[in-house]
Amino acid sequence: MQQRSIRQRLQSIQVRWPFLAIIVVLILVLFFMAMDHTRRNLYNAEQALIMSERERSEIGMTLVDKQQRVDNLGTRQDTTNRAQQQGMIMEGELCFEVTNPDRLDAYTEEEYRILMQERAWDQ
């Protein structure tokens, strides 16, 4: 008897096709909206990745440039270039490098003896 009642219930339900069509269309619209949102998110992520790759390559290039500058610091050519930029020497002038700056402050005993002899002769 229960089977009859289920059959009777199913037969008594009238499916309205326009209502079912509207539900299907709404489901499809929601599906495509979600897909479009996902596609836009993917596009934005790709653009962010491209920008970060560009920035990383620019940083890498500046690091290479700075490393070259650090490697060139203290070389004779770098010292000459900086002295010319600051107006200490002119183009074509010789640049002397002091290899032992401690010797600039004091005389050796022999140099001091010779200096004293020269001063004594000058008087």
C-alpha atoms as a PDB file:
ATOM      1  CA  MET A   1       0.000   0.000   0.000  1.00  0.00           C
ATOM      2  CA  GLN A   2       2.878   2.318   0.603  1.00  0.00           C
ATOM      3  CA  GLN A   3       4.085   1.832  -2.941  1.00  0.00           C
ATOM      4  CA  ARG A   4       0.808   3.074  -4.267  1.00  0.00           C
ATOM      5  CA  SER A   5       0.949   6.118  -2.105  1.00  0.00           C
ATOM      6  CA  ILE A   6       4.475   6.977  -3.367  1.00  0.00           C
ATOM      7  CA  ARG A   7       3.349   6.488  -6.941  1.00  0.00           C
ATOM      8  CA  GLN A   8       0.304   8.538  -6.325  1.00  0.00           C
ATOM      9  CA  ARG A   9       2.397  11.282  -4.774  1.00  0.00           C
ATOM     10  CA  LEU A  10       4.817  11.339  -7.700  1.00  0.00           C
ATOM     11  CA  GLN A  11       1.955  11.485 -10.154  1.00  0.00           C
ATOM     12  CA  SER A  12       0.251  14.226  -8.192  1.00  0.00           C
ATOM     13  CA  ILE A  13       3.357  16.468  -8.326  1.00  0.00           C
ATOM     14  CA  GLN A  14       3.167  18.603 -11.414  1.00  0.00           C
ATOM     15  CA  VAL A  15       6.487  19.824 -12.681  1.00  0.00           C
ATOM     16  CA  ARG A  16       6.249  23.240 -14.157  1.00  0.00           C
ATOM     17  CA  TRP A  17       8.778  23.450 -16.968  1.00  0.00           C
ATOM     18  CA  PRO A  18       9.220  27.236 -16.983  1.00  0.00           C
ATOM     19  CA  PHE A  19      10.027  27.137 -13.258  1.00  0.00           C
ATOM     20  CA  LEU A  20      12.561  24.343 -13.828  1.00  0.00           C
ATOM     21  CA  ALA A  21      14.104  26.247 -16.750  1.00  0.00           C
ATOM     22  CA  ILE A  22      14.527  29.370 -14.607  1.00  0.00           C
ATOM     23  CA  ILE A  23      16.240  27.332 -11.874  1.00  0.00           C
ATOM     24  CA  VAL A  24      18.623  25.751 -14.418  1.00  0.00           C
ATOM     25  CA  VAL A  25      19.430  29.158 -15.944  1.00  0.00           C
ATOM     26  CA  LEU A  26      20.108  30.640 -12.495  1.00  0.00           C
ATOM     27  CA  ILE A  27      22.413  27.748 -11.639  1.00  0.00           C
ATOM     28  CA  LEU A  28      24.282  28.224 -14.926  1.00  0.00           C
ATOM     29  CA  VAL A  29      24.589  31.987 -14.361  1.00  0.00           C
ATOM     30  CA  LEU A  30      25.984  31.430 -10.871  1.00  0.00           C
ATOM     31  CA  PHE A  31      28.407  28.837 -12.225  1.00  0.00           C
ATOM     32  CA  PHE A  32      29.703  31.168 -14.935  1.00  0.00           C
ATOM     33  CA  MET A  33      29.980  34.066 -12.487  1.00  0.00           C
ATOM     34  CA  ALA A  34      32.115  31.915 -10.201  1.00  0.00           C
ATOM     35  CA  MET A  35      34.246  30.831 -13.148  1.00  0.00           C
ATOM     36  CA  ASP A  36      34.713  34.457 -14.244  1.00  0.00           C
ATOM     37  CA  HIS A  37      35.710  35.476 -10.718  1.00  0.00           C
ATOM     38  CA  THR A  38      38.241  32.631 -10.606  1.00  0.00           C
ATOM     39  CA  ARG A  39      39.590  33.607 -14.037  1.00  0.00           C
ATOM     40  CA  ARG A  40      40.039  37.231 -12.928  1.00  0.00           C
ATOM     41  CA  ASN A  41      41.828  36.131  -9.765  1.00  0.00           C
ATOM     42  CA  LEU A  42      44.153  33.944 -11.822  1.00  0.00           C
ATOM     43  CA  TYR A  43      44.857  36.813 -14.231  1.00  0.00           C
ATOM     44  CA  ASN A  44      45.635  39.186 -11.332  1.00  0.00           C
ATOM     45  CA  ALA A  45      47.949  36.607  -9.773  1.00  0.00           C
ATOM     46  CA  GLU A  46      49.775  36.168 -13.091  1.00  0.00           C
ATOM     47  CA  GLN A  47      50.211  39.948 -13.413  1.00  0.00           C
ATOM     48  CA  ALA A  48      51.543  40.170  -9.862  1.00  0.00           C
ATOM     49  CA  LEU A  49      53.993  37.365 -10.621  1.00  0.00           C
ATOM     50  CA  ILE A  50      55.194  39.137 -13.767  1.00  0.00           C
ATOM     51  CA  MET A  51      55.708  42.377 -11.830  1.00  0.00           C
ATOM     52  CA  SER A  52      57.609  40.643  -9.049  1.00  0.00           C
ATOM     53  CA  GLU A  53      59.840  38.894 -11.603  1.00  0.00           C
ATOM     54  CA  ARG A  54      60.593  42.276 -13.192  1.00  0.00           C
ATOM     55  CA  GLU A  55      61.401  43.830  -9.841  1.00  0.00           C
ATOM     56  CA  ARG A  56      63.601  40.858  -8.924  1.00  0.00           C
ATOM     57  CA  SER A  57      65.554  41.148 -12.167  1.00  0.00           C
ATOM     58  CA  GLU A  58      65.996  44.916 -11.632  1.00  0.00           C
ATOM     59  CA  ILE A  59      67.223  44.294  -8.089  1.00  0.00           C
ATOM     60  CA  GLY A  60      69.597  41.651  -9.415  1.00  0.00           C
ATOM     61  CA  MET A  61      70.962  44.091 -11.978  1.00  0.00           C
ATOM     62  CA  THR A  62      71.506  46.770  -9.348  1.00  0.00           C
ATOM     63  CA  LEU A  63      73.208  44.227  -7.095  1.00  0.00           C
ATOM     64  CA  VAL A  64      75.583  43.269  -9.913  1.00  0.00           C
ATOM     65  CA  ASP A  65      76.306  46.969 -10.557  1.00  0.00           C
ATOM     66  CA  LYS A  66      76.948  47.617  -6.870  1.00  0.00           C
ATOM     67  CA  GLN A  67      79.170  44.539  -6.613  1.00  0.00           C
ATOM     68  CA  GLN A  68      81.234  45.853  -9.535  1.00  0.00           C
ATOM     69  CA  ARG A  69      81.552  49.206  -7.786  1.00  0.00           C
ATOM     70  CA  VAL A  70      82.687  47.502  -4.585  1.00  0.00           C
ATOM     71  CA  ASP A  71      85.198  45.420  -6.530  1.00  0.00           C
ATOM     72  CA  ASN A  72      86.578  48.580  -8.166  1.00  0.00           C
ATOM     73  CA  LEU A  73      86.907  50.503  -4.898  1.00  0.00           C
ATOM     74  CA  GLY A  74      90.479  51.071  -3.875  1.00  0.00           C
ATOM     75  CA  THR A  75      91.940  50.231  -7.259  1.00  0.00           C
ATOM     76  CA  ARG A  76      94.386  52.686  -8.746  1.00  0.00           C
ATOM     77  CA  GLN A  77      91.949  53.616 -11.531  1.00  0.00           C
ATOM     78  CA  ASP A  78      89.129  54.277  -9.040  1.00  0.00           C
ATOM     79  CA  THR A  79      91.379  56.441  -6.881  1.00  0.00           C
ATOM     80  CA  THR A  80      92.518  58.440  -9.907  1.00  0.00           C
ATOM     81  CA  ASN A  81      88.931  58.895 -11.126  1.00  0.00           C
ATOM     82  CA  ARG A  82      87.716  60.107  -7.731  1.00  0.00           C
ATOM     83  CA  ALA A  83      90.676  62.478  -7.377  1.00  0.00           C
ATOM     84  CA  GLN A  84      89.899  63.941 -10.820  1.00  0.00           C
ATOM     85  CA  GLN A  85      86.201  64.312  -9.943  1.00  0.00           C
ATOM     86  CA  GLN A  86      87.096  66.196  -6.754  1.00  0.00           C
ATOM     87  CA  GLY A  87      89.562  68.441  -8.592  1.00  0.00           C
ATOM     88  CA  MET A  88      92.638  67.155  -6.749  1.00  0.00           C
ATOM     89  CA  ILE A  89      94.465  66.300  -9.963  1.00  0.00           C
ATOM     90  CA  MET A  90      93.948  67.418 -13.522  1.00  0.00           C
ATOM     91  CA  GLU A  91      93.690  65.275 -16.607  1.00  0.00           C
ATOM     92  CA  GLY A  92      97.117  63.961 -17.581  1.00  0.00           C
ATOM     93  CA  GLU A  93      98.768  64.619 -14.211  1.00  0.00           C
ATOM     94  CA  LEU A  94     100.533  61.855 -12.373  1.00  0.00           C
ATOM     95  CA  CYS A  95      98.918  60.269  -9.350  1.00  0.00           C
ATOM     96  CA  PHE A  96     101.221  58.946  -6.642  1.00  0.00           C
ATOM     97  CA  GLU A  97     100.121  56.262  -4.245  1.00  0.00           C
ATOM     98  CA  VAL A  98     101.332  56.293  -0.658  1.00  0.00           C
ATOM     99  CA  THR A  99     102.030  52.710   0.257  1.00  0.00           C
ATOM    100  CA  ASN A 100     103.161  53.277   3.861  1.00  0.00           C
ATOM    101  CA  PRO A 101     101.240  56.160   5.457  1.00  0.00           C
ATOM    102  CA  ASP A 102     102.879  55.573   8.858  1.00  0.00           C
ATOM    103  CA  ARG A 103     106.127  56.879   7.430  1.00  0.00           C
ATOM    104  CA  LEU A 104     104.554  60.248   6.689  1.00  0.00           C
ATOM    105  CA  ASP A 105     104.259  61.115  10.371  1.00  0.00           C
ATOM    106  CA  ALA A 106     107.789  60.363  11.518  1.00  0.00           C
ATOM    107  CA  TYR A 107     111.373  60.291  10.331  1.00  0.00           C
ATOM    108  CA  THR A 108     113.629  57.328  10.682  1.00  0.00           C
ATOM    109  CA  GLU A 109     116.677  57.917  12.865  1.00  0.00           C
ATOM    110  CA  GLU A 110     118.953  58.253   9.857  1.00  0.00           C
ATOM    111  CA  GLU A 111     116.584  60.720   8.152  1.00  0.00           C
ATOM    112  CA  TYR A 112     116.353  62.717  11.375  1.00  0.00           C
ATOM    113  CA  ARG A 113     120.170  62.799  11.712  1.00  0.00           C
ATOM    114  CA  ILE A 114     120.539  64.020   8.119  1.00  0.00           C
ATOM    115  CA  LEU A 115     117.833  66.650   8.666  1.00  0.00           C
ATOM    116  CA  MET A 116     119.591  67.948  11.771  1.00  0.00           C
ATOM    117  CA  GLN A 117     122.914  68.125   9.919  1.00  0.00           C
ATOM    118  CA  GLU A 118     121.293  70.115   7.086  1.00  0.00           C
ATOM    119  CA  ARG A 119     119.701  72.532   9.542  1.00  0.00           C
ATOM    120  CA  ALA A 120     123.024  72.952  11.328  1.00  0.00           C
ATOM    121  CA  TRP A 121     124.741  73.815   8.035  1.00  0.00           C
ATOM    122  CA  ASP A 122     122.026  76.300   7.121  1.00  0.00           C
ATOM    123  CA  GLN A 123     122.755  78.357  10.284  1.00  0.00           C
END
